[in-house]
Amino acid sequence: MHAFDVLGDPVRRRILELLAAGEQTAGAVNAVIRDEFGISQPAVSQHLRVLRDNGFATVRPEGTRRLYAVDPHPLREVDDWLGHFRRFWTPPLAALATELARGRRERRPSAPADPPEER
């Protein structure tokens, strides 16, 4: 499965967002996804499996629990591919940052002048 096929699903993207915050149990992921998307536990498990089978997530057993975490390698590959297109948004974002900084400087109250020195 291609990386964008994996990431194209909103449930899998949300699971990755949860895992990006730190290692999560399958039960914790399941609870959030069920609440937000209204899907069953087996459906959540299937999404976790797709992420794991395609290298986006790792799993480690801890007793009876399964702890999931993000594997950053496939995300780096996606980032590398997106690098070809950054030229389309990097200059406009840099220009926006410049304009925002300029606006902050213009709104900043000027410091009161120092009182004249007494002699």
N, C-alpha and C. Protein backbone atom coordinates (compact mmCIF):
# COMPACT_ATOMS: atom_id res chain seq x y z
N MET A 1 0.85 -1.17 0.00
CA MET A 1 0.00 0.00 0.00
C MET A 1 0.90 1.24 0.00
N HIS A 2 0.58 2.21 -0.81
CA HIS A 2 1.35 3.45 -0.89
C HIS A 2 1.10 4.30 0.35
N ALA A 3 2.10 5.08 0.72
CA ALA A 3 1.99 5.89 1.94
C ALA A 3 0.76 6.79 1.92
N PHE A 4 0.44 7.37 0.76
CA PHE A 4 -0.70 8.27 0.72
C PHE A 4 -2.02 7.50 0.78
N ASP A 5 -2.02 6.23 0.41
CA ASP A 5 -3.21 5.40 0.60
C ASP A 5 -3.44 5.19 2.11
N VAL A 6 -2.35 4.97 2.82
CA VAL A 6 -2.44 4.79 4.27
C VAL A 6 -2.89 6.08 4.93
N LEU A 7 -2.25 7.20 4.55
CA LEU A 7 -2.54 8.49 5.19
C LEU A 7 -3.81 9.14 4.67
N GLY A 8 -4.36 8.62 3.59
CA GLY A 8 -5.57 9.20 3.02
C GLY A 8 -6.81 8.96 3.86
N ASP A 9 -6.74 8.03 4.77
CA ASP A 9 -7.90 7.72 5.60
C ASP A 9 -7.89 8.59 6.86
N PRO A 10 -8.98 9.31 7.13
CA PRO A 10 -8.99 10.21 8.29
C PRO A 10 -8.85 9.49 9.63
N VAL A 11 -9.32 8.26 9.71
CA VAL A 11 -9.20 7.51 10.96
C VAL A 11 -7.73 7.20 11.22
N ARG A 12 -7.01 6.76 10.19
CA ARG A 12 -5.59 6.44 10.37
C ARG A 12 -4.78 7.70 10.67
N ARG A 13 -5.13 8.82 10.01
CA ARG A 13 -4.43 10.07 10.32
C ARG A 13 -4.64 10.45 11.79
N ARG A 14 -5.85 10.29 12.28
CA ARG A 14 -6.16 10.63 13.67
C ARG A 14 -5.40 9.71 14.63
N ILE A 15 -5.33 8.43 14.28
CA ILE A 15 -4.58 7.50 15.12
C ILE A 15 -3.11 7.93 15.19
N LEU A 16 -2.54 8.32 14.05
CA LEU A 16 -1.15 8.79 14.06
C LEU A 16 -0.99 10.04 14.90
N GLU A 17 -1.97 10.93 14.87
CA GLU A 17 -1.92 12.13 15.72
C GLU A 17 -1.90 11.72 17.20
N LEU A 18 -2.72 10.75 17.56
CA LEU A 18 -2.74 10.29 18.95
C LEU A 18 -1.39 9.68 19.33
N LEU A 19 -0.84 8.88 18.43
CA LEU A 19 0.43 8.21 18.72
C LEU A 19 1.60 9.20 18.72
N ALA A 20 1.46 10.29 17.99
CA ALA A 20 2.53 11.30 17.97
C ALA A 20 2.72 11.93 19.35
N ALA A 21 1.67 11.91 20.16
CA ALA A 21 1.76 12.46 21.52
C ALA A 21 2.52 11.52 22.45
N GLY A 22 2.73 10.29 22.02
CA GLY A 22 3.44 9.31 22.83
C GLY A 22 2.80 7.95 22.70
N GLU A 23 3.50 6.97 23.18
CA GLU A 23 3.03 5.59 23.11
C GLU A 23 1.65 5.47 23.75
N GLN A 24 0.76 4.72 23.10
CA GLN A 24 -0.62 4.56 23.57
C GLN A 24 -0.99 3.08 23.56
N THR A 25 -1.83 2.69 24.50
CA THR A 25 -2.34 1.32 24.46
C THR A 25 -3.39 1.23 23.36
N ALA A 26 -3.59 0.03 22.87
CA ALA A 26 -4.62 -0.19 21.86
C ALA A 26 -5.98 0.21 22.43
N GLY A 27 -6.21 -0.05 23.70
CA GLY A 27 -7.48 0.31 24.33
C GLY A 27 -7.71 1.81 24.37
N ALA A 28 -6.65 2.57 24.67
CA ALA A 28 -6.79 4.03 24.71
C ALA A 28 -7.08 4.58 23.32
N VAL A 29 -6.37 4.08 22.32
CA VAL A 29 -6.61 4.51 20.93
C VAL A 29 -8.04 4.15 20.54
N ASN A 30 -8.43 2.94 20.85
CA ASN A 30 -9.77 2.47 20.51
C ASN A 30 -10.85 3.37 21.12
N ALA A 31 -10.68 3.74 22.38
CA ALA A 31 -11.69 4.57 23.06
C ALA A 31 -11.85 5.92 22.36
N VAL A 32 -10.75 6.57 22.02
CA VAL A 32 -10.82 7.88 21.37
C VAL A 32 -11.43 7.76 19.99
N ILE A 33 -10.97 6.80 19.23
CA ILE A 33 -11.45 6.65 17.85
C ILE A 33 -12.92 6.27 17.82
N ARG A 34 -13.34 5.39 18.72
CA ARG A 34 -14.76 5.03 18.80
C ARG A 34 -15.61 6.25 19.10
N ASP A 35 -15.16 7.08 20.04
CA ASP A 35 -15.91 8.29 20.40
C ASP A 35 -15.97 9.28 19.25
N GLU A 36 -14.85 9.48 18.58
CA GLU A 36 -14.78 10.51 17.54
C GLU A 36 -15.38 10.07 16.21
N PHE A 37 -15.25 8.78 15.87
CA PHE A 37 -15.68 8.32 14.55
C PHE A 37 -16.86 7.35 14.61
N GLY A 38 -17.17 6.87 15.81
CA GLY A 38 -18.30 5.95 15.95
C GLY A 38 -18.11 4.62 15.27
N ILE A 39 -16.87 4.13 15.22
CA ILE A 39 -16.63 2.83 14.59
C ILE A 39 -16.35 1.78 15.66
N SER A 40 -16.46 0.53 15.30
CA SER A 40 -16.33 -0.57 16.25
C SER A 40 -14.87 -0.84 16.61
N GLN A 41 -14.68 -1.57 17.68
CA GLN A 41 -13.34 -1.95 18.11
C GLN A 41 -12.62 -2.77 17.04
N PRO A 42 -13.28 -3.75 16.37
CA PRO A 42 -12.59 -4.47 15.30
C PRO A 42 -12.16 -3.55 14.15
N ALA A 43 -12.94 -2.52 13.86
CA ALA A 43 -12.56 -1.59 12.79
C ALA A 43 -11.33 -0.78 13.20
N VAL A 44 -11.28 -0.36 14.46
CA VAL A 44 -10.11 0.37 14.95
C VAL A 44 -8.88 -0.54 14.89
N SER A 45 -9.05 -1.77 15.30
CA SER A 45 -7.95 -2.73 15.25
C SER A 45 -7.44 -2.92 13.83
N GLN A 46 -8.36 -2.93 12.88
CA GLN A 46 -7.95 -3.07 11.47
C GLN A 46 -7.12 -1.86 11.03
N HIS A 47 -7.52 -0.67 11.44
CA HIS A 47 -6.74 0.53 11.10
C HIS A 47 -5.35 0.48 11.74
N LEU A 48 -5.29 0.04 12.99
CA LEU A 48 -3.98 -0.12 13.65
C LEU A 48 -3.12 -1.13 12.90
N ARG A 49 -3.75 -2.18 12.43
CA ARG A 49 -3.01 -3.20 11.68
C ARG A 49 -2.46 -2.63 10.37
N VAL A 50 -3.26 -1.86 9.66
CA VAL A 50 -2.80 -1.24 8.42
C VAL A 50 -1.60 -0.34 8.71
N LEU A 51 -1.68 0.46 9.77
CA LEU A 51 -0.56 1.33 10.13
C LEU A 51 0.68 0.51 10.47
N ARG A 52 0.50 -0.55 11.21
CA ARG A 52 1.61 -1.41 11.60
C ARG A 52 2.20 -2.14 10.40
N ASP A 53 1.34 -2.74 9.57
CA ASP A 53 1.81 -3.50 8.41
C ASP A 53 2.52 -2.64 7.38
N ASN A 54 2.19 -1.36 7.35
CA ASN A 54 2.81 -0.46 6.38
C ASN A 54 3.92 0.38 6.99
N GLY A 55 4.32 0.06 8.20
CA GLY A 55 5.48 0.66 8.82
C GLY A 55 5.26 1.99 9.50
N PHE A 56 4.03 2.47 9.60
CA PHE A 56 3.77 3.77 10.23
C PHE A 56 3.68 3.67 11.75
N ALA A 57 3.46 2.49 12.26
CA ALA A 57 3.34 2.30 13.70
C ALA A 57 4.08 1.04 14.12
N THR A 58 4.56 1.08 15.33
CA THR A 58 5.17 -0.11 15.93
C THR A 58 4.28 -0.55 17.07
N VAL A 59 4.40 -1.80 17.44
CA VAL A 59 3.63 -2.33 18.56
C VAL A 59 4.57 -3.17 19.40
N ARG A 60 4.39 -3.05 20.71
CA ARG A 60 5.16 -3.91 21.61
C ARG A 60 4.21 -4.43 22.68
N PRO A 61 4.34 -5.70 22.97
CA PRO A 61 3.49 -6.26 24.02
C PRO A 61 4.02 -5.87 25.39
N GLU A 62 3.09 -5.62 26.29
CA GLU A 62 3.42 -5.39 27.70
C GLU A 62 2.35 -6.11 28.50
N GLY A 63 2.67 -7.32 28.89
CA GLY A 63 1.66 -8.16 29.55
C GLY A 63 0.55 -8.47 28.56
N THR A 64 -0.67 -8.16 28.94
CA THR A 64 -1.80 -8.42 28.05
C THR A 64 -2.11 -7.23 27.15
N ARG A 65 -1.40 -6.13 27.36
CA ARG A 65 -1.66 -4.92 26.57
C ARG A 65 -0.73 -4.85 25.37
N ARG A 66 -1.15 -4.09 24.37
CA ARG A 66 -0.33 -3.80 23.21
C ARG A 66 -0.12 -2.29 23.16
N LEU A 67 1.12 -1.87 23.15
CA LEU A 67 1.45 -0.45 23.14
C LEU A 67 1.90 -0.06 21.73
N TYR A 68 1.23 0.94 21.19
CA TYR A 68 1.51 1.42 19.84
C TYR A 68 2.27 2.73 19.90
N ALA A 69 3.15 2.92 18.92
CA ALA A 69 3.92 4.17 18.80
C ALA A 69 4.11 4.46 17.32
N VAL A 70 4.41 5.72 17.01
CA VAL A 70 4.68 6.12 15.63
C VAL A 70 6.08 5.64 15.25
N ASP A 71 6.20 5.12 14.05
CA ASP A 71 7.51 4.85 13.45
C ASP A 71 7.75 5.98 12.46
N PRO A 72 8.74 6.82 12.68
CA PRO A 72 8.91 8.02 11.85
C PRO A 72 9.47 7.76 10.45
N HIS A 73 10.01 6.60 10.17
CA HIS A 73 10.67 6.38 8.87
C HIS A 73 9.76 6.62 7.67
N PRO A 74 8.57 6.04 7.61
CA PRO A 74 7.72 6.31 6.44
C PRO A 74 7.29 7.77 6.35
N LEU A 75 7.17 8.43 7.50
CA LEU A 75 6.79 9.84 7.50
C LEU A 75 7.92 10.69 6.93
N ARG A 76 9.17 10.28 7.16
CA ARG A 76 10.30 10.99 6.56
C ARG A 76 10.27 10.84 5.05
N GLU A 77 9.90 9.66 4.57
CA GLU A 77 9.80 9.44 3.13
C GLU A 77 8.71 10.33 2.52
N VAL A 78 7.60 10.47 3.21
CA VAL A 78 6.52 11.36 2.75
C VAL A 78 7.04 12.80 2.74
N ASP A 79 7.75 13.19 3.80
CA ASP A 79 8.30 14.54 3.88
C ASP A 79 9.30 14.79 2.75
N ASP A 80 10.12 13.80 2.44
CA ASP A 80 11.07 13.94 1.32
C ASP A 80 10.33 14.16 0.01
N TRP A 81 9.27 13.40 -0.20
CA TRP A 81 8.48 13.54 -1.43
C TRP A 81 7.84 14.94 -1.49
N LEU A 82 7.31 15.39 -0.37
CA LEU A 82 6.70 16.72 -0.32
C LEU A 82 7.72 17.82 -0.56
N GLY A 83 8.99 17.53 -0.30
CA GLY A 83 10.05 18.50 -0.51
C GLY A 83 10.07 19.05 -1.93
N HIS A 84 9.65 18.25 -2.90
CA HIS A 84 9.59 18.70 -4.29
C HIS A 84 8.59 19.84 -4.48
N PHE A 85 7.66 19.96 -3.58
CA PHE A 85 6.57 20.92 -3.73
C PHE A 85 6.65 22.09 -2.75
N ARG A 86 7.61 22.07 -1.85
CA ARG A 86 7.72 23.13 -0.83
C ARG A 86 7.89 24.50 -1.45
N ARG A 87 8.49 24.56 -2.63
CA ARG A 87 8.73 25.86 -3.27
C ARG A 87 7.42 26.59 -3.54
N PHE A 88 6.32 25.85 -3.58
CA PHE A 88 5.04 26.48 -3.84
C PHE A 88 4.47 27.20 -2.62
N TRP A 89 4.85 26.75 -1.41
CA TRP A 89 4.28 27.41 -0.24
C TRP A 89 5.33 28.06 0.68
N THR A 90 6.59 27.71 0.54
CA THR A 90 7.59 28.29 1.44
C THR A 90 7.75 29.80 1.25
N PRO A 91 7.94 30.31 0.03
CA PRO A 91 8.07 31.77 -0.11
C PRO A 91 6.82 32.54 0.36
N PRO A 92 5.61 32.11 0.01
CA PRO A 92 4.45 32.85 0.54
C PRO A 92 4.36 32.81 2.06
N LEU A 93 4.73 31.69 2.66
CA LEU A 93 4.69 31.62 4.13
C LEU A 93 5.76 32.52 4.75
N ALA A 94 6.93 32.58 4.12
CA ALA A 94 7.98 33.46 4.62
C ALA A 94 7.54 34.92 4.50
N ALA A 95 6.88 35.25 3.38
CA ALA A 95 6.38 36.62 3.21
C ALA A 95 5.32 36.94 4.25
N LEU A 96 4.45 35.99 4.55
CA LEU A 96 3.44 36.19 5.57
C LEU A 96 4.09 36.42 6.93
N ALA A 97 5.11 35.65 7.26
CA ALA A 97 5.81 35.82 8.53
C ALA A 97 6.42 37.22 8.62
N THR A 98 6.98 37.69 7.51
CA THR A 98 7.56 39.04 7.49
C THR A 98 6.49 40.09 7.74
N GLU A 99 5.34 39.95 7.07
CA GLU A 99 4.26 40.93 7.25
C GLU A 99 3.71 40.90 8.67
N LEU A 100 3.60 39.71 9.25
CA LEU A 100 3.12 39.61 10.63
C LEU A 100 4.09 40.28 11.59
N ALA A 101 5.38 40.07 11.38
CA ALA A 101 6.39 40.71 12.23
C ALA A 101 6.33 42.22 12.07
N ARG A 102 6.16 42.68 10.85
CA ARG A 102 6.08 44.11 10.60
C ARG A 102 4.87 44.70 11.33
N GLY A 103 3.74 44.02 11.27
CA GLY A 103 2.53 44.49 11.95
C GLY A 103 2.72 44.55 13.46
N ARG A 104 3.42 43.57 14.02
CA ARG A 104 3.67 43.58 15.47
C ARG A 104 4.55 44.76 15.85
N ARG A 105 5.54 45.05 15.02
CA ARG A 105 6.42 46.19 15.32
C ARG A 105 5.64 47.50 15.26
N GLU A 106 4.74 47.62 14.29
CA GLU A 106 3.97 48.85 14.15
C GLU A 106 2.98 49.05 15.28
N ARG A 107 2.46 47.97 15.84
CA ARG A 107 1.48 48.06 16.93
C ARG A 107 2.15 48.20 18.29
N ARG A 108 3.42 47.90 18.37
CA ARG A 108 4.13 47.95 19.65
C ARG A 108 4.19 49.39 20.14
N PRO A 109 3.79 49.64 21.39
CA PRO A 109 3.87 51.02 21.91
C PRO A 109 5.34 51.44 21.99
N SER A 110 5.58 52.66 21.61
CA SER A 110 6.96 53.14 21.67
C SER A 110 7.33 53.38 23.12
N ALA A 111 8.57 53.16 23.41
CA ALA A 111 9.06 53.33 24.77
C ALA A 111 9.10 54.82 25.10
N PRO A 112 8.73 55.18 26.33
CA PRO A 112 8.78 56.60 26.70
C PRO A 112 10.23 57.09 26.62
N ALA A 113 10.36 58.32 26.20
CA ALA A 113 11.69 58.91 26.10
C ALA A 113 12.28 59.06 27.48
N ASP A 114 13.58 58.87 27.56
CA ASP A 114 14.25 59.05 28.84
C ASP A 114 14.18 60.52 29.25
N PRO A 115 13.94 60.79 30.52
CA PRO A 115 13.91 62.19 30.96
C PRO A 115 15.29 62.81 30.76
N PRO A 116 15.29 64.10 30.49
CA PRO A 116 16.60 64.75 30.31
C PRO A 116 17.42 64.63 31.58
N GLU A 117 18.70 64.49 31.38
CA GLU A 117 19.61 64.35 32.52
C GLU A 117 19.74 65.68 33.25
N GLU A 118 19.75 65.60 34.55
CA GLU A 118 19.94 66.81 35.35
C GLU A 118 21.41 67.03 35.53
N ARG A 119 21.79 68.30 35.51
CA ARG A 119 23.20 68.62 35.67
C ARG A 119 23.46 69.29 36.95
